[in-house]
Protein backbone atom coordinates (compact mmCIF):
# COMPACT_ATOMS: atom_id res chain seq x y z
CA MET A 1 168.57 80.09 247.75
CA VAL A 2 171.64 80.49 249.99
CA SER A 3 170.88 80.83 253.68
CA GLU A 4 171.45 84.31 255.10
CA THR A 5 172.30 83.10 258.59
CA LYS A 6 174.65 80.26 257.57
CA HIS A 7 176.02 81.85 254.46
CA ASN A 8 179.07 79.53 254.28
CA GLU A 9 182.00 79.12 256.57
CA ALA A 10 183.89 78.13 253.46
CA ALA A 11 183.15 81.53 251.98
CA GLY A 12 184.11 83.21 255.24
CA GLU A 13 187.66 81.97 254.82
CA SER A 14 187.95 83.63 251.44
CA SER A 15 189.14 87.04 252.61
CA THR A 16 192.67 85.68 252.83
CA ALA A 17 192.52 82.92 250.22
CA SER A 18 193.06 82.72 246.47
CA LYS A 19 194.67 86.12 246.05
CA GLY A 20 196.82 85.00 243.18
CA GLY A 21 195.61 86.06 239.76
CA SER A 22 192.83 88.22 241.17
CA SER A 23 193.33 90.87 238.49
CA ASP A 24 192.07 88.49 235.80
CA PHE A 25 188.40 88.82 236.69
CA PHE A 26 188.52 92.60 236.95
CA ALA A 27 188.71 92.65 233.16
CA THR A 28 184.95 92.02 233.10
CA THR A 29 183.30 93.93 235.92
CA HIS A 30 179.64 94.83 236.11
CA TRP A 31 180.71 98.35 235.21
CA SER A 32 182.51 97.24 232.07
CA VAL A 33 179.66 94.96 230.98
CA VAL A 34 177.19 97.84 230.98
CA LEU A 35 179.63 100.27 229.39
CA ALA A 36 180.31 97.82 226.59
CA ALA A 37 176.60 97.11 226.18
CA ALA A 38 175.84 100.80 225.77
CA GLN A 39 178.25 101.02 222.85
CA ARG A 40 176.69 98.19 220.81
CA ASP A 41 173.39 97.69 219.05
CA PRO A 42 170.25 97.14 221.20
CA GLY A 43 170.16 93.38 220.60
CA ASP A 44 173.72 92.85 221.80
CA ALA A 45 173.17 95.25 224.68
CA ARG A 46 170.15 93.37 225.97
CA GLU A 47 172.11 90.14 225.91
CA ALA A 48 175.05 91.70 227.73
CA LEU A 49 172.79 93.17 230.39
CA GLY A 50 170.84 89.96 230.86
CA ARG A 51 173.02 88.50 233.60
CA LEU A 52 173.09 91.74 235.57
CA TYR A 53 169.35 92.05 235.15
CA GLN A 54 168.84 88.63 236.72
CA ILE A 55 171.18 89.40 239.63
CA TYR A 56 169.93 92.86 240.53
CA THR A 57 166.25 92.79 239.66
CA TYR A 58 165.01 91.12 242.83
CA PRO A 59 167.02 93.35 245.21
CA LEU A 60 165.71 96.40 243.35
CA TYR A 61 162.20 94.93 243.32
CA VAL A 62 162.26 94.50 247.10
CA TYR A 63 163.57 98.03 247.54
CA VAL A 64 160.79 99.59 245.44
CA ARG A 65 158.08 97.45 247.06
CA ARG A 66 159.34 98.58 250.48
CA ARG A 67 159.01 102.15 249.21
CA GLY A 68 155.28 101.50 248.95
CA TYR A 69 154.76 100.90 245.22
CA ASN A 70 152.21 98.29 244.19
CA PRO A 71 153.30 95.13 242.33
CA GLU A 72 151.89 96.19 238.97
CA ASP A 73 153.76 99.50 239.01
CA VAL A 74 156.98 97.83 240.14
CA GLN A 75 156.90 95.48 237.16
CA ASP A 76 156.69 98.39 234.74
CA LEU A 77 159.13 100.46 236.75
CA ILE A 78 161.92 97.86 236.79
CA GLN A 79 161.59 97.19 233.07
CA GLU A 80 161.59 100.90 232.27
CA PHE A 81 164.50 101.62 234.60
CA PHE A 82 166.78 99.08 232.92
CA ALA A 83 165.72 100.36 229.49
CA ARG A 84 166.58 103.94 230.47
CA LEU A 85 169.85 102.76 232.04
CA LEU A 86 170.92 101.54 228.64
CA GLU A 87 169.27 104.06 226.34
CA ARG A 88 170.52 107.12 228.19
CA ASN A 89 173.96 105.67 228.91
CA TRP A 90 173.83 106.59 232.60
CA VAL A 91 176.74 104.30 233.44
CA ASP A 92 179.07 106.15 231.08
CA ARG A 93 178.44 109.36 233.02
CA ALA A 94 178.97 107.76 236.43
CA ASP A 95 182.19 107.99 238.42
CA GLN A 96 183.16 104.37 238.98
CA GLU A 97 185.69 105.32 241.65
CA LYS A 98 183.09 106.76 244.01
CA GLY A 99 181.03 103.71 244.79
CA ARG A 100 180.17 100.07 244.23
CA PHE A 101 178.06 99.05 241.26
CA ARG A 102 175.08 98.16 243.45
CA SER A 103 175.28 101.62 245.05
CA PHE A 104 175.35 103.24 241.62
CA LEU A 105 172.26 101.24 240.61
CA LEU A 106 170.36 102.28 243.72
CA GLY A 107 171.27 105.92 243.22
CA ALA A 108 170.26 105.76 239.57
CA LEU A 109 166.96 104.13 240.55
CA ASN A 110 166.23 106.83 243.12
CA HIS A 111 166.93 109.48 240.49
CA PHE A 112 164.62 107.66 238.11
CA LEU A 113 161.85 107.49 240.72
CA ALA A 114 162.16 111.18 241.53
CA ASN A 115 162.58 112.58 238.04
CA GLU A 116 161.41 110.07 235.46
CA TRP A 117 158.80 107.71 236.78
CA ASP A 118 156.09 110.34 237.13
CA LYS A 119 156.19 110.61 233.34
CA ARG A 120 155.14 106.96 232.99
CA LYS A 121 151.80 107.89 231.41
CA ALA A 122 153.67 109.21 228.41
CA TRP A 123 154.44 105.68 227.25
CA LYS A 124 152.14 102.71 226.95
CA ARG A 125 152.53 99.88 229.43
CA GLY A 126 154.34 96.99 227.81
CA GLY A 127 155.36 99.12 224.85
CA ARG A 128 159.09 98.88 225.44
CA VAL A 129 161.19 95.88 224.55
CA GLU A 130 162.08 93.79 227.57
CA ILE A 131 165.79 93.35 228.25
CA VAL A 132 165.22 89.89 229.67
CA PRO A 133 161.86 88.20 230.29
CA LEU A 134 161.20 87.89 234.01
CA GLU A 135 158.32 86.16 235.76
CA PHE A 136 157.17 89.00 237.97
CA ASP A 137 154.35 86.92 239.43
CA THR A 138 157.02 84.57 240.79
CA VAL A 139 159.05 87.50 242.07
CA GLU A 140 156.05 88.96 243.88
CA SER A 141 155.20 85.57 245.40
CA ARG A 142 158.75 85.29 246.68
CA TYR A 143 158.51 88.77 248.14
CA ARG A 144 155.26 87.97 249.94
CA ASP A 145 156.60 84.66 251.28
CA GLU A 146 159.63 86.22 252.92
CA PRO A 147 159.55 87.06 256.65
CA VAL A 148 158.80 90.68 257.41
CA ASP A 149 162.03 92.66 257.41
CA PRO A 150 161.85 95.59 259.86
CA THR A 151 164.92 97.33 258.43
CA THR A 152 165.02 100.15 255.91
CA PRO A 153 164.38 99.65 252.18
CA GLU A 154 168.09 100.34 251.64
CA ASN A 155 169.10 97.55 254.03
CA CYS A 156 166.61 95.19 252.38
CA TYR A 157 168.19 95.94 249.03
CA GLU A 158 171.73 95.33 250.34
CA ARG A 159 170.83 92.01 251.91
CA ARG A 160 169.00 90.74 248.83
CA TRP A 161 172.02 91.73 246.77
CA ALA A 162 174.28 89.68 249.03
CA VAL A 163 172.02 86.64 248.85
CA ALA A 164 171.67 86.98 245.06
CA LEU A 165 175.45 87.06 244.73
CA LEU A 166 175.88 83.89 246.81
CA ASP A 167 173.12 82.20 244.84
CA THR A 168 175.01 83.06 241.65
CA VAL A 169 178.16 81.47 243.07
CA MET A 170 176.30 78.31 244.06
CA THR A 171 174.67 78.06 240.63
CA ARG A 172 178.05 78.34 238.92
CA LEU A 173 179.52 75.67 241.17
CA GLN A 174 176.57 73.38 240.54
CA LYS A 175 176.84 73.78 236.76
CA GLU A 176 180.54 73.02 236.84
CA ASN A 177 179.86 69.77 238.66
CA GLU A 178 177.05 68.89 236.27
CA ASN A 179 179.37 69.44 233.32
CA ARG A 180 181.82 66.96 234.84
CA GLY A 181 179.08 64.40 235.31
CA GLU A 182 179.15 64.83 239.09
CA ALA A 183 175.71 66.32 239.65
CA ALA A 184 174.57 63.57 242.02
CA ALA A 185 177.73 63.74 244.13
CA PHE A 186 177.44 67.53 244.30
CA GLU A 187 173.91 67.34 245.68
CA VAL A 188 175.08 64.94 248.39
CA LEU A 189 178.12 67.00 249.35
CA LYS A 190 176.65 70.50 248.90
CA PRO A 191 175.43 70.77 252.52
CA CYS A 192 179.07 70.40 253.59
CA LEU A 193 179.76 73.89 252.28
CA LEU A 194 177.83 75.07 255.34
CA GLY A 195 179.22 74.97 258.82
CA ASP A 196 182.41 73.76 260.46
CA ALA A 197 184.60 71.55 258.30
CA GLU A 198 185.50 69.40 261.29
CA ALA A 199 181.85 68.70 262.09
CA GLN A 200 180.89 67.11 258.77
CA PRO A 201 179.51 63.52 258.74
CA TYR A 202 182.34 62.15 256.63
CA ALA A 203 181.74 58.50 257.53
CA ALA A 204 178.04 58.68 256.65
CA LEU A 205 178.78 60.46 253.39
CA ALA A 206 181.38 57.84 252.49
CA SER A 207 178.84 55.11 253.07
CA GLU A 208 176.17 56.93 251.04
CA THR A 209 178.42 57.61 248.05
CA GLY A 210 180.49 54.45 248.07
CA ARG A 211 183.73 56.40 248.45
CA SER A 212 186.37 56.26 251.13
CA GLU A 213 186.21 58.75 253.98
CA GLY A 214 189.51 60.20 252.81
CA ALA A 215 188.16 60.73 249.31
CA ILE A 216 185.12 62.51 250.74
CA LYS A 217 187.31 64.88 252.75
CA VAL A 218 189.38 65.70 249.67
CA ALA A 219 186.25 66.28 247.56
CA ILE A 220 184.75 68.62 250.16
CA HIS A 221 188.02 70.50 250.55
CA ARG A 222 188.24 71.04 246.79
CA MET A 223 184.60 72.09 246.63
CA ARG A 224 185.19 74.72 249.31
CA GLN A 225 188.29 75.98 247.55
CA ARG A 226 186.42 76.34 244.28
CA TYR A 227 183.51 78.04 246.04
CA ARG A 228 185.88 80.61 247.53
CA GLN A 229 187.46 81.22 244.14
CA LEU A 230 184.09 81.74 242.45
CA LEU A 231 182.96 84.03 245.24
CA ARG A 232 186.00 86.22 244.80
CA GLU A 233 185.36 86.35 241.07
CA GLU A 234 181.76 87.46 241.61
CA ILE A 235 182.79 90.06 244.20
CA GLY A 236 185.46 91.26 241.80
CA ARG A 237 182.83 91.99 239.18
CA THR A 238 180.93 94.31 241.52
CA VAL A 239 183.80 96.68 242.27
CA ALA A 240 185.95 98.90 240.09
CA SER A 241 189.42 97.79 241.22
CA PRO A 242 191.23 94.97 243.09
CA ALA A 243 191.96 97.36 245.96
CA GLU A 244 188.29 97.27 246.94
CA MET A 245 188.07 93.47 247.08
CA GLU A 246 188.83 92.74 250.73
CA ALA A 247 186.65 95.53 252.09
CA GLU A 248 183.79 94.32 249.91
CA MET A 249 184.24 90.74 251.14
CA ARG A 250 184.01 91.92 254.74
CA TYR A 251 180.98 94.03 253.93
CA LEU A 252 179.23 91.08 252.29
CA PHE A 253 179.46 88.99 255.45
CA THR A 254 178.49 91.93 257.65
CA ILE A 255 175.31 92.32 255.58
CA LEU A 256 174.52 88.60 255.79
CA ALA A 257 175.07 88.59 259.54
CA GLY A 258 172.53 91.38 259.90
CA ARG A 259 174.94 93.82 261.47
């Protein structure tokens, strides 16, 4: 998981980098994915929602646990919430211009808790089709292993969202390197995404990888550039328009810094 305190100096540079072609990844935002899913058959919809489910489930899980719900209820609640999100087409009725996707999800969840969840006895536990299988025992273990967070449930949700987004970026970058047959080199150089570029142990890395120091510097520079590009793509998918990009980037780092 990406560190919250050293979330990436490379990513921190991204608010002014890679602006060219930014409109391309607004064609598939988290809003549009769910809207499209709602218009297709349930099988296609579950597949389309799968990625969002994986990104947002843990932040929502933490939020609901911090609201005082027990683990067993949270498991049912999260599954049911995502099912209702699709079945009742809540996204289609939302105003995308009045908030970020994560804010919409939290508002929809609060509505669900206040108006729907008390009806849970009307359906049998486990009776609904899961959108995506999720190991809730693992999720609960992760929740219990985390340091106590004294902030509000809303702040906990925001921070877990930020970390989940950076984890998604790192996973994409890792897979790209694996596909190029550079998995081993990526694992060696990955720590260089953290911290000051001038403070990296280039000579030691050159010795470890059998490359020249110059080649190592170029590889790390390219890795940081690609990381920034992927981060902007992921941020772009959480907002409704390119105009919101820079503000959202700044907000992401504010959340990670704990301010």
